[in-house]
Amino acid sequence: MVIFLDDIQWSDAATINLIYYIFCMDTLKHVLFVCTYRDNEIQAGHRLFQLFEKLRNLNSCTELILKPLDFTAVNNLISETLHSPPDITKPLAELLIKKTNGNPFFTIKLLKSLYLQKAFIFIPEKGQWSFELEKVKNAEISDNVIDLIIKSLKSLPERTINTLKLAACIGSQFGFRTLLLIKNDSETLLYNDI
C-alpha cells in the first residue's frame, strides 16, 4: 500500500505524532509513505524536521529533493500534452521555461491558461494540437502562478465563484451535505456549480 501525504508542512502536532507512531509499529509491513512538503515554508525547529530526524534514526526515511524541471523535461511535457514532436514544441518550451523557471505546477497552469485563451488549435486529422508562437507571445501570460490561479478563478461562472466563497468559509474539509445546507440550493444546482 502507498499512502501519499501532500503538503505535510501544514500538519498539526497530532498528525506528525501519528505518522511517527505508525513508523514505529513492528507489525506494519508493505506500506510506503510518500510525504511532500515545501521546504521554503518551514524553518529550523519545525516539528517536521524533528519527525525526519526520528525517522532517520529508525532508518525509515529517504529524502528526495526535487529540483525544477530542466528544458528537456519541460519540452517533453509540452510535447506529450500537445501530441506533437519535441522539435515542434521546442520554441514553445523555450518561452514557457523562461516564465515558469521549470516549476511543473506553474507550467501546467500556464498551458491550461493558454488553452483557455485559444492559443492552441486541435487538428483532428493529425490528432495533435497546433500553436502559433506569436499568438502565444501575445497571450496574457502572468509571471506569477498566484496571478494565473486568480485569473482562472475569475473566469468561472458567478454561481461557482459564490459557491467557492461559501466553501472557503467552511474550512479545508467538509462534505457535500454541509455545503448543500450552507448554500441552501438544490442538489442539482450545487452539482452544476462544482
Protein backbone atom coordinates (compact mmCIF):
# COMPACT_ATOMS: atom_id res chain seq x y z
CA MET A 1 0.00 0.00 0.00
CA VAL A 2 1.20 3.51 -0.81
CA ILE A 3 -0.02 6.40 1.32
CA PHE A 4 0.60 9.82 -0.18
CA LEU A 5 0.53 12.83 2.14
CA ASP A 6 0.87 16.17 0.38
CA ASP A 7 1.93 19.46 1.99
CA ILE A 8 2.73 17.92 5.38
CA GLN A 9 4.37 21.19 6.42
CA TRP A 10 0.84 22.21 7.44
CA SER A 11 0.27 19.13 9.60
CA ASP A 12 -0.53 19.63 13.24
CA ALA A 13 1.41 18.00 16.07
CA ALA A 14 -1.11 15.15 16.43
CA THR A 15 -0.72 14.18 12.76
CA ILE A 16 3.08 14.27 12.99
CA ASN A 17 2.93 12.09 16.12
CA LEU A 18 0.59 9.65 14.35
CA ILE A 19 2.98 9.33 11.41
CA TYR A 20 5.85 8.59 13.79
CA TYR A 21 3.74 6.08 15.73
CA ILE A 22 2.83 4.24 12.51
CA PHE A 23 6.51 4.04 11.52
CA CYS A 24 7.39 2.55 14.90
CA MET A 25 4.88 -0.29 14.57
CA ASP A 26 6.64 -3.64 14.11
CA THR A 27 3.57 -5.28 12.60
CA LEU A 28 3.20 -2.83 9.74
CA LYS A 29 4.57 -4.35 6.54
CA HIS A 30 4.36 -3.49 2.84
CA VAL A 31 3.42 0.16 3.36
CA LEU A 32 5.17 3.07 1.69
CA PHE A 33 4.57 6.62 2.87
CA VAL A 34 5.30 9.35 0.36
CA CYS A 35 5.22 12.73 2.03
CA THR A 36 5.73 16.03 0.29
CA TYR A 37 6.45 19.42 1.77
CA ARG A 38 7.68 22.80 0.65
CA ASP A 39 10.99 23.48 2.30
CA ASN A 40 10.59 27.21 1.81
CA GLU A 41 7.54 27.14 4.12
CA ILE A 42 9.26 25.70 7.17
CA GLN A 43 12.03 26.99 9.41
CA ALA A 44 14.58 25.39 11.68
CA GLY A 45 12.96 23.76 14.69
CA HIS A 46 9.76 22.96 12.79
CA ARG A 47 8.16 19.73 14.07
CA LEU A 48 8.63 18.23 10.60
CA PHE A 49 12.43 18.39 10.99
CA GLN A 50 12.07 16.64 14.32
CA LEU A 51 9.98 13.90 12.67
CA PHE A 52 12.56 13.42 9.92
CA GLU A 53 15.35 13.18 12.46
CA LYS A 54 13.47 10.48 14.38
CA LEU A 55 12.72 8.59 11.15
CA ARG A 56 16.38 8.78 10.09
CA ASN A 57 17.31 7.21 13.41
CA LEU A 58 14.91 4.35 12.58
CA ASN A 59 16.46 4.04 9.08
CA SER A 60 12.93 4.56 7.76
CA CYS A 61 13.36 7.72 5.77
CA THR A 62 14.74 8.52 2.34
CA GLU A 63 14.67 12.14 1.27
CA LEU A 64 14.47 13.24 -2.34
CA ILE A 65 14.93 16.89 -3.17
CA LEU A 66 13.05 17.78 -6.31
CA LYS A 67 14.56 20.45 -8.47
CA PRO A 68 12.80 22.50 -11.15
CA LEU A 69 12.28 20.75 -14.47
CA ASP A 70 15.06 21.26 -16.97
CA PHE A 71 14.43 22.33 -20.55
CA THR A 72 14.20 18.76 -21.89
CA ALA A 73 11.62 17.79 -19.27
CA VAL A 74 9.50 20.90 -19.95
CA ASN A 75 9.71 20.27 -23.69
CA ASN A 76 8.71 16.62 -23.20
CA LEU A 77 5.78 17.69 -21.02
CA ILE A 78 4.57 20.11 -23.68
CA SER A 79 5.23 17.63 -26.49
CA GLU A 80 3.19 14.92 -24.79
CA THR A 81 0.42 17.34 -23.84
CA LEU A 82 0.04 18.66 -27.38
CA HIS A 83 0.74 15.27 -29.03
CA SER A 84 3.39 16.99 -31.11
CA PRO A 85 7.04 16.08 -31.76
CA PRO A 86 9.57 17.72 -29.39
CA ASP A 87 11.28 19.58 -32.24
CA ILE A 88 7.98 21.36 -32.99
CA THR A 89 7.28 22.26 -29.35
CA LYS A 90 10.84 23.43 -28.66
CA PRO A 91 10.14 27.17 -29.28
CA LEU A 92 7.08 26.99 -27.01
CA ALA A 93 9.13 25.24 -24.31
CA GLU A 94 11.80 27.94 -24.54
CA LEU A 95 9.15 30.59 -23.95
CA LEU A 96 7.44 28.75 -21.09
CA ILE A 97 10.61 27.80 -19.22
CA LYS A 98 11.53 31.49 -19.07
CA LYS A 99 8.15 32.22 -17.48
CA THR A 100 7.98 29.26 -15.10
CA ASN A 101 11.63 28.60 -14.23
CA GLY A 102 10.85 24.90 -14.62
CA ASN A 103 8.11 24.82 -11.96
CA PRO A 104 5.92 21.89 -13.11
CA PHE A 105 2.77 23.19 -11.39
CA PHE A 106 3.18 26.63 -12.96
CA THR A 107 3.98 25.09 -16.37
CA ILE A 108 0.78 23.03 -16.36
CA LYS A 109 -1.31 26.01 -15.18
CA LEU A 110 0.25 28.14 -17.91
CA LEU A 111 -0.58 25.54 -20.57
CA LYS A 112 -4.20 25.48 -19.33
CA SER A 113 -4.33 29.26 -19.40
CA LEU A 114 -3.02 29.34 -22.97
CA TYR A 115 -5.60 26.73 -23.95
CA LEU A 116 -8.40 28.85 -22.44
CA GLN A 117 -7.06 31.86 -24.35
CA LYS A 118 -7.39 29.80 -27.54
CA ALA A 119 -3.64 29.81 -28.18
CA PHE A 120 -3.85 26.13 -29.19
CA ILE A 121 -5.88 24.65 -32.04
CA PHE A 122 -6.70 20.96 -32.26
CA ILE A 123 -6.14 19.35 -35.68
CA PRO A 124 -8.38 16.24 -35.73
CA GLU A 125 -6.78 14.74 -38.88
CA LYS A 126 -3.38 14.69 -37.19
CA GLY A 127 -4.65 14.01 -33.66
CA GLN A 128 -2.46 16.79 -32.29
CA TRP A 129 -2.55 20.39 -31.18
CA SER A 130 -1.06 23.28 -33.10
CA PHE A 131 0.05 26.70 -31.90
CA GLU A 132 1.27 29.93 -33.36
CA LEU A 133 4.22 31.20 -31.37
CA GLU A 134 3.27 34.84 -31.99
CA LYS A 135 -0.22 34.16 -30.64
CA VAL A 136 1.32 32.55 -27.54
CA LYS A 137 3.67 35.51 -27.08
CA ASN A 138 0.73 37.91 -27.34
CA ALA A 139 -1.42 35.94 -24.90
CA GLU A 140 -1.85 37.33 -21.42
CA ILE A 141 0.76 35.31 -19.54
CA SER A 142 1.46 36.13 -15.93
CA ASP A 143 4.92 35.75 -14.43
CA ASN A 144 3.28 34.75 -11.16
CA VAL A 145 1.43 31.48 -10.54
CA ILE A 146 -0.88 33.16 -7.99
CA ASP A 147 -1.99 35.72 -10.60
CA LEU A 148 -2.61 32.86 -13.01
CA ILE A 149 -4.77 30.99 -10.48
CA ILE A 150 -6.73 34.14 -9.59
CA LYS A 151 -7.34 34.83 -13.26
CA SER A 152 -8.59 31.28 -13.83
CA LEU A 153 -10.88 31.60 -10.80
CA LYS A 154 -12.31 34.85 -12.19
CA SER A 155 -13.17 33.06 -15.43
CA LEU A 156 -15.52 30.70 -13.57
CA PRO A 157 -19.28 31.28 -13.65
CA GLU A 158 -20.57 33.64 -10.94
CA ARG A 159 -22.56 30.86 -9.22
CA THR A 160 -19.43 28.73 -8.95
CA ILE A 161 -17.44 31.66 -7.51
CA ASN A 162 -20.16 32.25 -4.91
CA THR A 163 -20.13 28.56 -4.01
CA LEU A 164 -16.33 28.66 -3.63
CA LYS A 165 -16.63 31.67 -1.33
CA LEU A 166 -19.05 29.80 0.91
CA ALA A 167 -16.87 26.69 0.83
CA ALA A 168 -13.82 28.74 1.85
CA CYS A 169 -15.74 29.95 4.92
CA ILE A 170 -16.39 26.35 6.00
CA GLY A 171 -12.74 25.35 6.05
CA SER A 172 -10.43 22.97 4.26
CA GLN A 173 -12.53 19.84 4.82
CA PHE A 174 -16.27 19.38 4.55
CA GLY A 175 -18.80 17.14 2.92
CA PHE A 176 -21.23 17.79 0.11
CA ARG A 177 -24.17 17.78 2.55
CA THR A 178 -22.58 20.54 4.64
CA LEU A 179 -22.09 22.69 1.57
CA LEU A 180 -25.65 21.93 0.48
CA LEU A 181 -27.01 23.15 3.83
CA ILE A 182 -24.99 26.35 3.72
CA LYS A 183 -25.68 27.08 0.07
CA ASN A 184 -29.40 26.39 0.56
CA ASP A 185 -29.75 25.18 -3.02
CA SER A 186 -30.96 22.07 -4.75
CA GLU A 187 -28.50 19.18 -5.17
CA THR A 188 -28.66 19.54 -8.96
CA LEU A 189 -27.76 23.25 -8.90
CA LEU A 190 -24.93 22.64 -6.45
CA TYR A 191 -23.52 19.79 -8.56
CA ASN A 192 -23.53 22.14 -11.54
CA ASP A 193 -21.64 24.74 -9.51
CA ILE A 194 -18.87 22.37 -8.58
